[in-house]
Amino acid sequence: MGLMRLPSSLIANVKSFSRLNAYRNRNYQRDVPKGHLAVYVGKNQKRRVVVPVSYLEQPLFQNLLRQSEEEFGFDHPMGGLTISCQEDEFFKLEAMFHAL
């Protein structure tokens, strides 16, 4: 099964959002290594997680981004990209990415 391509407009929106957030919070740039982005995960309590941008190529991560876009648009309550899923489910998904 081949990788599903993330629409370029969605990638551009994520990159723009990350840059905008970096301008809002200078600490963001200091603790997020190059090639990574910070996201917030969790349904009730949000946890900040730094992930590699290579996740943008993963179809399951793309689905999470689409769901996030439907739920929050570009008005994320945490001030950063918020992914609406249970924290433990996100970490299971992340473990799958590492196994690939």
Protein backbone atom coordinates (compact mmCIF):
# COMPACT_ATOMS: atom_id res chain seq x y z
CA MET A 1 0.00 0.00 0.00
CA GLY A 2 1.53 3.34 -1.10
CA LEU A 3 1.60 6.48 0.94
CA MET A 4 -1.29 8.86 0.44
CA ARG A 5 -0.06 12.35 -0.45
CA LEU A 6 -1.05 15.16 1.86
CA PRO A 7 -2.64 17.99 -0.13
CA SER A 8 -0.10 20.76 -0.59
CA SER A 9 -2.57 23.32 0.77
CA LEU A 10 -2.80 21.42 4.07
CA ILE A 11 1.01 21.20 4.32
CA ALA A 12 1.28 24.93 3.60
CA ASN A 13 -1.32 25.66 6.27
CA VAL A 14 0.56 23.57 8.86
CA LYS A 15 3.85 25.30 8.00
CA SER A 16 2.23 28.74 8.14
CA PHE A 17 0.59 27.89 11.45
CA SER A 18 3.93 26.74 12.89
CA ARG A 19 5.68 29.92 11.77
CA LEU A 20 2.89 32.12 13.16
CA ASN A 21 3.03 30.27 16.47
CA ALA A 22 6.81 30.71 16.56
CA TYR A 23 6.39 34.48 16.27
CA ARG A 24 3.84 34.47 19.08
CA ASN A 25 5.99 32.43 21.43
CA ARG A 26 9.77 32.80 21.08
CA ASN A 27 10.31 29.80 23.40
CA TYR A 28 8.71 27.66 20.71
CA GLN A 29 11.77 28.08 18.51
CA ARG A 30 14.19 27.26 21.29
CA ASP A 31 12.78 23.88 22.30
CA VAL A 32 11.59 22.52 18.94
CA PRO A 33 14.48 21.09 16.94
CA LYS A 34 14.76 21.77 13.24
CA GLY A 35 12.67 19.28 11.29
CA HIS A 36 10.07 18.97 14.07
CA LEU A 37 6.87 20.66 15.13
CA ALA A 38 5.02 20.90 18.40
CA VAL A 39 1.44 19.66 18.68
CA TYR A 40 -0.98 19.36 21.56
CA VAL A 41 -2.80 16.06 22.06
CA GLY A 42 -5.53 14.91 24.40
CA LYS A 43 -9.27 15.27 24.71
CA ASN A 44 -9.59 17.04 28.06
CA GLN A 45 -6.11 17.89 29.22
CA LYS A 46 -3.70 18.76 26.43
CA ARG A 47 -0.10 17.60 26.40
CA ARG A 48 2.55 19.23 24.23
CA VAL A 49 4.43 16.74 22.06
CA VAL A 50 7.27 17.48 19.64
CA VAL A 51 7.05 15.31 16.52
CA PRO A 52 9.15 15.03 13.35
CA VAL A 53 7.72 16.74 10.27
CA SER A 54 8.02 13.35 8.52
CA TYR A 55 4.73 12.51 10.28
CA LEU A 56 3.07 14.78 7.72
CA GLU A 57 3.67 12.00 5.19
CA GLN A 58 1.79 9.40 7.26
CA PRO A 59 -1.84 8.85 6.17
CA LEU A 60 -3.02 8.29 9.77
CA PHE A 61 -1.43 11.55 10.89
CA GLN A 62 -3.00 13.29 7.91
CA ASN A 63 -6.40 12.02 9.06
CA LEU A 64 -5.77 13.46 12.53
CA LEU A 65 -4.89 16.81 10.94
CA ARG A 66 -8.09 16.79 8.90
CA GLN A 67 -10.16 16.01 11.99
CA SER A 68 -8.38 18.77 13.85
CA GLU A 69 -9.07 21.20 11.02
CA GLU A 70 -12.77 20.26 11.06
CA GLU A 71 -13.00 20.66 14.83
CA PHE A 72 -10.84 23.74 15.40
CA GLY A 73 -10.25 25.33 12.00
CA PHE A 74 -7.25 27.53 12.63
CA ASP A 75 -8.40 28.77 16.03
CA HIS A 76 -6.56 26.32 18.28
CA PRO A 77 -7.31 26.80 21.98
CA MET A 78 -3.76 26.00 23.11
CA GLY A 79 -2.13 28.51 20.78
CA GLY A 80 -0.48 25.64 18.91
CA LEU A 81 -1.62 22.90 16.58
CA THR A 82 -4.11 20.84 18.60
CA ILE A 83 -4.90 17.25 17.65
CA SER A 84 -8.13 16.00 19.10
CA CYS A 85 -7.51 12.42 20.12
CA GLN A 86 -6.82 10.59 23.35
CA GLU A 87 -3.21 10.94 24.44
CA ASP A 88 -2.67 7.17 24.72
CA GLU A 89 -4.10 6.65 21.22
CA PHE A 90 -1.71 9.25 19.83
CA PHE A 91 1.27 7.49 21.43
CA LYS A 92 0.12 4.13 20.00
CA LEU A 93 -0.04 5.76 16.59
CA GLU A 94 3.40 7.28 17.11
CA ALA A 95 4.80 3.83 18.00
CA MET A 96 3.39 2.51 14.72
CA PHE A 97 5.25 5.27 12.82
CA HIS A 98 8.53 4.24 14.47
CA ALA A 99 7.91 0.60 13.52
CA LEU A 100 7.62 1.47 9.82
